[in-house]
Structures are given as structure tokens and as C-alpha cells.
Amino acid sequence: IIMEFIDGESLKSYVQKQDYLSEYNLVSFSLQICEVILYLHTLENPILYLDMKPDNIIVTSQGLKVVDFGSAIRACDACTYNNAMGTVGYAAPEQYKGMALDERADIYGIGMVMYYMATKTIFAQKDRIKNIDEKDII
């Protein structure tokens, strides 16, 4: 097995070291993540990533890199794939209910990563999402 060495730190570690993530970085990081997922979803045989979380995103001097494709599957196999996968707090609810998966599961994961970047907290699905503009969250 040959793997690329990526000089950087996880997005989780990066966010935790900051007092807050600037609006510029939040938008820039979000767009970079979206570009990766758009690329995967628009391949001739689309790929669903299915494990979007800050631990799987590396912040480098050149930008973000998404790593750990261990949960990724081809979109054409998603309707017959019955294994629960993903990380609690980031994975779409349908990933745990044995429902057919599609690109929306990755979009949900992006939203949860954006929520984490803005609040430094993980969203628990049983909780109500608070307004991220409230000062006690940031």
C-alpha cells in the first residue's frame, strides 16, 4: 500500500485551536469541501463519501484535503447497501435506518461539518439546532 504523506492537521484540531473560525475561513473551507463532494458526485460512476467529519479533513498550506474513503461506495450500489456507516453527529439519519442512500447523505454531512466549524460543537440529532449567531455557542 502506498499512501501520500499530507503535511497538515485535522480540521477538528485546527478548529479547536482557534478562538473562533473567521467568516472567510468558514466560507473558504466549506467551498473546498463542496468542491470535493461535487467532483465525487459528478463522476461517470458517482461516489458517495458517507463519512464527512472534521477528523477526515486535513488543513494544509495548500488548502483542505479529504481523506479516509473507507466508507465510500458507488452511488449505483447505495440502494442495496444495508450496513450502518458514518459517524454519529455527522452522518445523515438515513445512514442508520437502513434506508436507500444518495447524494443527500453527503450534503447532510457537509452541513454538520459547517455547523461544527461555526460552533465548535457536534450536533446531536436529538437536540434542537440553536441559532449559531447566539454568543453563548461560539
N, C-alpha and C. Protein backbone atom coordinates (compact mmCIF):
# COMPACT_ATOMS: atom_id res chain seq x y z
N ILE A 1 0.85 -1.17 0.00
CA ILE A 1 0.00 0.00 0.00
C ILE A 1 0.90 1.23 0.00
N ILE A 2 0.60 2.13 -0.89
CA ILE A 2 1.33 3.40 -0.95
C ILE A 2 0.34 4.50 -0.63
N MET A 3 0.71 5.35 0.33
CA MET A 3 -0.15 6.47 0.72
C MET A 3 0.64 7.76 0.66
N GLU A 4 -0.05 8.82 0.33
CA GLU A 4 0.55 10.14 0.29
C GLU A 4 0.70 10.68 1.70
N PHE A 5 1.85 11.27 2.02
CA PHE A 5 2.02 11.96 3.28
C PHE A 5 1.42 13.36 3.12
N ILE A 6 0.53 13.71 4.02
CA ILE A 6 -0.10 15.03 3.97
C ILE A 6 0.38 15.82 5.18
N ASP A 7 1.09 16.89 4.92
CA ASP A 7 1.61 17.73 5.99
C ASP A 7 0.53 18.73 6.40
N GLY A 8 -0.09 18.49 7.52
CA GLY A 8 -1.15 19.36 8.00
C GLY A 8 -1.76 18.80 9.27
N GLU A 9 -2.90 19.32 9.63
CA GLU A 9 -3.60 18.83 10.82
C GLU A 9 -5.08 18.68 10.50
N SER A 10 -5.75 17.87 11.29
CA SER A 10 -7.17 17.65 11.03
C SER A 10 -7.95 18.95 11.23
N LEU A 11 -9.04 19.05 10.52
CA LEU A 11 -9.91 20.22 10.68
C LEU A 11 -10.40 20.31 12.12
N LYS A 12 -10.66 19.17 12.73
CA LYS A 12 -11.10 19.15 14.13
C LYS A 12 -10.06 19.82 15.03
N SER A 13 -8.81 19.42 14.89
CA SER A 13 -7.73 20.01 15.69
C SER A 13 -7.56 21.49 15.37
N TYR A 14 -7.62 21.83 14.09
CA TYR A 14 -7.47 23.22 13.67
C TYR A 14 -8.54 24.11 14.29
N VAL A 15 -9.79 23.68 14.23
CA VAL A 15 -10.91 24.47 14.78
C VAL A 15 -10.77 24.60 16.29
N GLN A 16 -10.39 23.52 16.96
CA GLN A 16 -10.28 23.55 18.42
C GLN A 16 -9.19 24.51 18.90
N LYS A 17 -8.16 24.72 18.10
CA LYS A 17 -7.06 25.62 18.47
C LYS A 17 -7.43 27.10 18.29
N GLN A 18 -8.47 27.38 17.53
CA GLN A 18 -8.87 28.76 17.24
C GLN A 18 -9.84 29.27 18.30
N ASP A 19 -9.80 30.57 18.59
CA ASP A 19 -10.85 31.16 19.42
C ASP A 19 -12.18 31.04 18.68
N TYR A 20 -12.14 31.31 17.41
CA TYR A 20 -13.28 31.13 16.52
C TYR A 20 -12.73 31.05 15.10
N LEU A 21 -13.49 30.46 14.22
CA LEU A 21 -13.10 30.37 12.82
C LEU A 21 -13.63 31.61 12.11
N SER A 22 -12.76 32.34 11.44
CA SER A 22 -13.20 33.55 10.75
C SER A 22 -14.24 33.22 9.70
N GLU A 23 -15.06 34.20 9.38
CA GLU A 23 -16.08 34.01 8.34
C GLU A 23 -15.42 33.63 7.02
N TYR A 24 -14.28 34.25 6.72
CA TYR A 24 -13.56 33.93 5.49
C TYR A 24 -13.17 32.46 5.46
N ASN A 25 -12.55 31.97 6.56
CA ASN A 25 -12.13 30.57 6.59
C ASN A 25 -13.32 29.62 6.56
N LEU A 26 -14.39 29.97 7.26
CA LEU A 26 -15.58 29.12 7.26
C LEU A 26 -16.12 28.96 5.84
N VAL A 27 -16.23 30.06 5.13
CA VAL A 27 -16.74 30.00 3.75
C VAL A 27 -15.74 29.30 2.83
N SER A 28 -14.46 29.65 2.95
CA SER A 28 -13.43 29.05 2.11
C SER A 28 -13.36 27.54 2.33
N PHE A 29 -13.32 27.11 3.57
CA PHE A 29 -13.26 25.68 3.87
C PHE A 29 -14.52 24.97 3.37
N SER A 30 -15.67 25.57 3.58
CA SER A 30 -16.93 24.97 3.15
C SER A 30 -16.95 24.77 1.63
N LEU A 31 -16.50 25.78 0.90
CA LEU A 31 -16.47 25.68 -0.56
C LEU A 31 -15.51 24.60 -1.03
N GLN A 32 -14.36 24.48 -0.37
CA GLN A 32 -13.40 23.44 -0.75
C GLN A 32 -13.98 22.04 -0.52
N ILE A 33 -14.67 21.86 0.60
CA ILE A 33 -15.31 20.58 0.89
C ILE A 33 -16.38 20.29 -0.17
N CYS A 34 -17.17 21.30 -0.49
CA CYS A 34 -18.22 21.13 -1.51
C CYS A 34 -17.62 20.77 -2.86
N GLU A 35 -16.47 21.34 -3.22
CA GLU A 35 -15.83 21.02 -4.49
C GLU A 35 -15.43 19.56 -4.56
N VAL A 36 -14.92 19.02 -3.46
CA VAL A 36 -14.54 17.60 -3.43
C VAL A 36 -15.77 16.73 -3.62
N ILE A 37 -16.83 17.02 -2.88
CA ILE A 37 -18.05 16.21 -2.96
C ILE A 37 -18.70 16.36 -4.34
N LEU A 38 -18.69 17.57 -4.89
CA LEU A 38 -19.23 17.77 -6.24
C LEU A 38 -18.46 16.91 -7.24
N TYR A 39 -17.15 16.89 -7.12
CA TYR A 39 -16.33 16.06 -8.01
C TYR A 39 -16.74 14.59 -7.89
N LEU A 40 -16.85 14.08 -6.67
CA LEU A 40 -17.22 12.67 -6.45
C LEU A 40 -18.61 12.36 -7.00
N HIS A 41 -19.53 13.29 -6.81
CA HIS A 41 -20.92 13.06 -7.23
C HIS A 41 -21.12 13.20 -8.73
N THR A 42 -20.20 13.85 -9.44
CA THR A 42 -20.37 14.06 -10.87
C THR A 42 -19.46 13.17 -11.72
N LEU A 43 -18.80 12.20 -11.10
CA LEU A 43 -18.02 11.23 -11.87
C LEU A 43 -18.98 10.41 -12.73
N GLU A 44 -18.45 9.76 -13.77
CA GLU A 44 -19.29 8.92 -14.62
C GLU A 44 -20.01 7.85 -13.78
N ASN A 45 -19.31 7.30 -12.81
CA ASN A 45 -19.90 6.36 -11.85
C ASN A 45 -19.77 7.03 -10.48
N PRO A 46 -20.74 7.84 -10.08
CA PRO A 46 -20.62 8.68 -8.88
C PRO A 46 -20.28 7.90 -7.61
N ILE A 47 -19.57 8.59 -6.72
CA ILE A 47 -19.16 8.03 -5.43
C ILE A 47 -19.85 8.81 -4.32
N LEU A 48 -20.39 8.08 -3.34
CA LEU A 48 -20.92 8.69 -2.12
C LEU A 48 -19.83 8.54 -1.06
N TYR A 49 -19.43 9.62 -0.45
CA TYR A 49 -18.35 9.60 0.54
C TYR A 49 -18.81 9.00 1.87
N LEU A 50 -19.91 9.47 2.42
CA LEU A 50 -20.63 8.91 3.56
C LEU A 50 -19.94 8.96 4.92
N ASP A 51 -18.82 9.65 5.06
CA ASP A 51 -18.21 9.80 6.39
C ASP A 51 -17.58 11.17 6.55
N MET A 52 -18.32 12.19 6.15
CA MET A 52 -17.82 13.56 6.25
C MET A 52 -17.77 13.95 7.73
N LYS A 53 -16.59 14.29 8.20
CA LYS A 53 -16.41 14.75 9.58
C LYS A 53 -15.08 15.49 9.65
N PRO A 54 -14.90 16.36 10.64
CA PRO A 54 -13.66 17.14 10.74
C PRO A 54 -12.40 16.30 10.86
N ASP A 55 -12.51 15.10 11.42
CA ASP A 55 -11.34 14.23 11.54
C ASP A 55 -10.85 13.74 10.18
N ASN A 56 -11.71 13.73 9.18
CA ASN A 56 -11.37 13.22 7.85
C ASN A 56 -11.01 14.34 6.87
N ILE A 57 -10.78 15.52 7.38
CA ILE A 57 -10.39 16.66 6.55
C ILE A 57 -9.09 17.21 7.11
N ILE A 58 -8.09 17.32 6.24
CA ILE A 58 -6.78 17.81 6.66
C ILE A 58 -6.58 19.23 6.14
N VAL A 59 -6.19 20.13 7.04
CA VAL A 59 -5.88 21.51 6.69
C VAL A 59 -4.39 21.57 6.36
N THR A 60 -4.07 21.94 5.12
CA THR A 60 -2.68 22.06 4.69
C THR A 60 -2.41 23.49 4.25
N SER A 61 -1.17 23.79 3.96
CA SER A 61 -0.83 25.14 3.49
C SER A 61 -1.41 25.40 2.09
N GLN A 62 -1.76 24.33 1.36
CA GLN A 62 -2.36 24.48 0.03
C GLN A 62 -3.89 24.42 0.05
N GLY A 63 -4.48 24.18 1.18
CA GLY A 63 -5.93 24.07 1.28
C GLY A 63 -6.33 22.80 2.00
N LEU A 64 -7.57 22.40 1.83
CA LEU A 64 -8.09 21.22 2.51
C LEU A 64 -7.94 19.97 1.65
N LYS A 65 -7.76 18.84 2.33
CA LYS A 65 -7.75 17.53 1.66
C LYS A 65 -8.69 16.63 2.43
N VAL A 66 -9.56 15.94 1.70
CA VAL A 66 -10.47 14.97 2.30
C VAL A 66 -9.77 13.61 2.24
N VAL A 67 -9.73 12.92 3.38
CA VAL A 67 -9.05 11.63 3.47
C VAL A 67 -10.02 10.56 3.99
N ASP A 68 -9.57 9.34 4.05
CA ASP A 68 -10.29 8.19 4.59
C ASP A 68 -11.57 7.89 3.81
N PHE A 69 -11.39 7.20 2.71
CA PHE A 69 -12.51 6.82 1.86
C PHE A 69 -13.02 5.42 2.19
N GLY A 70 -12.79 4.96 3.42
CA GLY A 70 -13.18 3.63 3.84
C GLY A 70 -14.68 3.37 3.82
N SER A 71 -15.49 4.40 3.96
CA SER A 71 -16.95 4.25 3.94
C SER A 71 -17.56 4.58 2.59
N ALA A 72 -16.74 5.05 1.66
CA ALA A 72 -17.25 5.47 0.35
C ALA A 72 -17.78 4.28 -0.44
N ILE A 73 -18.87 4.52 -1.17
CA ILE A 73 -19.44 3.49 -2.03
C ILE A 73 -19.88 4.13 -3.35
N ARG A 74 -20.01 3.32 -4.37
CA ARG A 74 -20.54 3.80 -5.63
C ARG A 74 -22.03 4.09 -5.46
N ALA A 75 -22.50 5.17 -6.04
CA ALA A 75 -23.91 5.54 -5.92
C ALA A 75 -24.82 4.44 -6.44
N CYS A 76 -24.38 3.72 -7.45
CA CYS A 76 -25.22 2.65 -8.00
C CYS A 76 -25.41 1.50 -7.02
N ASP A 77 -24.54 1.37 -6.03
CA ASP A 77 -24.65 0.32 -5.02
C ASP A 77 -25.38 0.78 -3.76
N ALA A 78 -25.70 2.05 -3.68
CA ALA A 78 -26.25 2.62 -2.45
C ALA A 78 -27.63 2.09 -2.09
N CYS A 79 -28.43 1.77 -3.06
CA CYS A 79 -29.80 1.31 -2.75
C CYS A 79 -29.82 -0.12 -2.22
N THR A 80 -28.74 -0.86 -2.42
CA THR A 80 -28.69 -2.24 -1.92
C THR A 80 -27.74 -2.39 -0.74
N TYR A 81 -27.12 -1.31 -0.31
CA TYR A 81 -26.15 -1.35 0.78
C TYR A 81 -26.88 -1.19 2.10
N ASN A 82 -26.82 -2.19 2.97
CA ASN A 82 -27.61 -2.17 4.20
C ASN A 82 -26.77 -1.98 5.47
N ASN A 83 -25.49 -1.75 5.37
CA ASN A 83 -24.65 -1.59 6.56
C ASN A 83 -24.75 -0.17 7.09
N ALA A 84 -24.91 -0.05 8.40
CA ALA A 84 -24.88 1.27 9.03
C ALA A 84 -23.45 1.79 8.95
N MET A 85 -23.30 3.03 8.61
CA MET A 85 -21.97 3.62 8.48
C MET A 85 -22.04 5.09 8.81
N GLY A 86 -20.88 5.69 8.99
CA GLY A 86 -20.83 7.11 9.28
C GLY A 86 -20.57 7.35 10.76
N THR A 87 -20.44 8.60 11.10
CA THR A 87 -20.11 9.00 12.46
C THR A 87 -21.28 9.75 13.06
N VAL A 88 -21.67 9.33 14.25
CA VAL A 88 -22.80 9.97 14.95
C VAL A 88 -22.51 11.46 15.09
N GLY A 89 -23.51 12.26 14.78
CA GLY A 89 -23.36 13.71 14.83
C GLY A 89 -23.05 14.31 13.48
N TYR A 90 -22.57 13.49 12.55
CA TYR A 90 -22.24 13.97 11.21
C TYR A 90 -22.98 13.20 10.12
N ALA A 91 -23.29 11.94 10.36
CA ALA A 91 -23.95 11.11 9.35
C ALA A 91 -25.44 11.43 9.28
N ALA A 92 -25.98 11.35 8.08
CA ALA A 92 -27.41 11.58 7.86
C ALA A 92 -28.22 10.47 8.54
N PRO A 93 -29.39 10.80 9.06
CA PRO A 93 -30.22 9.79 9.76
C PRO A 93 -30.48 8.54 8.94
N GLU A 94 -30.64 8.67 7.63
CA GLU A 94 -30.93 7.51 6.80
C GLU A 94 -29.78 6.51 6.76
N GLN A 95 -28.59 6.94 7.13
CA GLN A 95 -27.45 6.04 7.16
C GLN A 95 -27.60 5.00 8.27
N TYR A 96 -28.41 5.27 9.27
CA TYR A 96 -28.60 4.34 10.39
C TYR A 96 -29.94 3.63 10.35
N LYS A 97 -30.79 4.00 9.42
CA LYS A 97 -32.13 3.42 9.36
C LYS A 97 -32.29 2.39 8.26
N GLY A 98 -31.19 2.03 7.60
CA GLY A 98 -31.26 1.04 6.54
C GLY A 98 -31.99 1.52 5.31
N MET A 99 -32.10 2.83 5.16
CA MET A 99 -32.79 3.42 4.02
C MET A 99 -31.82 3.53 2.84
N ALA A 100 -32.37 3.66 1.65
CA ALA A 100 -31.54 3.87 0.47
C ALA A 100 -30.79 5.19 0.62
N LEU A 101 -29.54 5.18 0.21
CA LEU A 101 -28.71 6.37 0.32
C LEU A 101 -28.51 7.02 -1.04
N ASP A 102 -28.32 8.32 -1.02
CA ASP A 102 -27.98 9.04 -2.24
C ASP A 102 -27.11 10.23 -1.86
N GLU A 103 -26.91 11.14 -2.81
CA GLU A 103 -26.01 12.27 -2.61
C GLU A 103 -26.41 13.16 -1.43
N ARG A 104 -27.68 13.14 -1.07
CA ARG A 104 -28.14 13.98 0.04
C ARG A 104 -27.47 13.62 1.36
N ALA A 105 -27.06 12.37 1.52
CA ALA A 105 -26.37 11.98 2.75
C ALA A 105 -25.05 12.74 2.89
N ASP A 106 -24.32 12.91 1.79
CA ASP A 106 -23.07 13.68 1.83
C ASP A 106 -23.34 15.17 2.09
N ILE A 107 -24.41 15.68 1.51
CA ILE A 107 -24.76 17.10 1.72
C ILE A 107 -25.09 17.34 3.19
N TYR A 108 -25.80 16.41 3.81
CA TYR A 108 -26.08 16.50 5.24
C TYR A 108 -24.77 16.55 6.02
N GLY A 109 -23.83 15.68 5.67
CA GLY A 109 -22.53 15.65 6.34
C GLY A 109 -21.78 16.97 6.20
N ILE A 110 -21.85 17.58 5.03
CA ILE A 110 -21.22 18.89 4.83
C ILE A 110 -21.84 19.91 5.78
N GLY A 111 -23.16 19.90 5.87
CA GLY A 111 -23.85 20.82 6.77
C GLY A 111 -23.42 20.65 8.21
N MET A 112 -23.25 19.41 8.64
CA MET A 112 -22.85 19.15 10.02
C MET A 112 -21.40 19.59 10.27
N VAL A 113 -20.54 19.44 9.26
CA VAL A 113 -19.16 19.93 9.40
C VAL A 113 -19.16 21.46 9.47
N MET A 114 -20.00 22.10 8.65
CA MET A 114 -20.11 23.56 8.71
C MET A 114 -20.61 24.01 10.09
N TYR A 115 -21.58 23.29 10.62
CA TYR A 115 -22.10 23.58 11.97
C TYR A 115 -20.96 23.47 12.99
N TYR A 116 -20.15 22.42 12.88
CA TYR A 116 -19.02 22.25 13.79
C TYR A 116 -18.03 23.41 13.65
N MET A 117 -17.72 23.80 12.41
CA MET A 117 -16.76 24.89 12.21
C MET A 117 -17.27 26.19 12.82
N ALA A 118 -18.56 26.42 12.76
CA ALA A 118 -19.14 27.67 13.27
C ALA A 118 -19.31 27.66 14.78
N THR A 119 -19.53 26.49 15.37
CA THR A 119 -19.88 26.43 16.80
C THR A 119 -18.89 25.69 17.68
N LYS A 120 -17.99 24.93 17.09
CA LYS A 120 -17.06 24.06 17.82
C LYS A 120 -17.78 22.97 18.60
N THR A 121 -18.99 22.66 18.21
CA THR A 121 -19.75 21.60 18.88
C THR A 121 -20.28 20.63 17.84
N ILE A 122 -20.56 19.43 18.29
CA ILE A 122 -21.13 18.40 17.43
C ILE A 122 -22.63 18.40 17.66
N PHE A 123 -23.38 18.37 16.59
CA PHE A 123 -24.83 18.36 16.68
C PHE A 123 -25.31 16.95 16.99
N ALA A 124 -26.09 16.82 18.05
CA ALA A 124 -26.72 15.53 18.36
C ALA A 124 -28.13 15.59 17.80
N GLN A 125 -28.52 14.59 17.04
CA GLN A 125 -29.79 14.63 16.32
C GLN A 125 -30.99 14.76 17.25
N LYS A 126 -30.84 14.40 18.50
CA LYS A 126 -31.96 14.57 19.43
C LYS A 126 -32.10 16.02 19.89
N ASP A 127 -31.06 16.82 19.69
CA ASP A 127 -31.09 18.23 20.08
C ASP A 127 -31.74 19.09 19.01
N ARG A 128 -32.22 20.22 19.45
CA ARG A 128 -32.71 21.23 18.52
C ARG A 128 -31.52 22.10 18.13
N ILE A 129 -31.37 22.41 16.87
CA ILE A 129 -30.25 23.26 16.46
C ILE A 129 -30.52 24.68 16.93
N LYS A 130 -29.58 25.21 17.70
CA LYS A 130 -29.68 26.59 18.15
C LYS A 130 -29.21 27.52 17.04
N ASN A 131 -29.58 28.76 17.14
CA ASN A 131 -29.11 29.76 16.20
C ASN A 131 -27.61 29.94 16.42
N ILE A 132 -26.80 29.73 15.41
CA ILE A 132 -25.34 29.80 15.58
C ILE A 132 -24.85 31.22 15.80
N ASP A 133 -25.74 32.20 15.67
CA ASP A 133 -25.35 33.58 15.94
C ASP A 133 -25.38 33.89 17.45
N GLU A 134 -25.97 33.01 18.26
CA GLU A 134 -26.04 33.26 19.70
C GLU A 134 -24.62 33.22 20.28
N LYS A 135 -24.28 34.21 21.09
CA LYS A 135 -22.93 34.36 21.61
C LYS A 135 -22.50 33.22 22.52
N ASP A 136 -23.41 32.58 23.23
CA ASP A 136 -23.01 31.53 24.16
C ASP A 136 -22.61 30.24 23.45
N ILE A 137 -22.84 30.12 22.16
CA ILE A 137 -22.47 28.94 21.42
C ILE A 137 -21.03 29.06 20.91
N ILE A 138 -20.65 30.24 20.50
CA ILE A 138 -19.32 30.41 19.88
C ILE A 138 -18.27 30.63 20.93
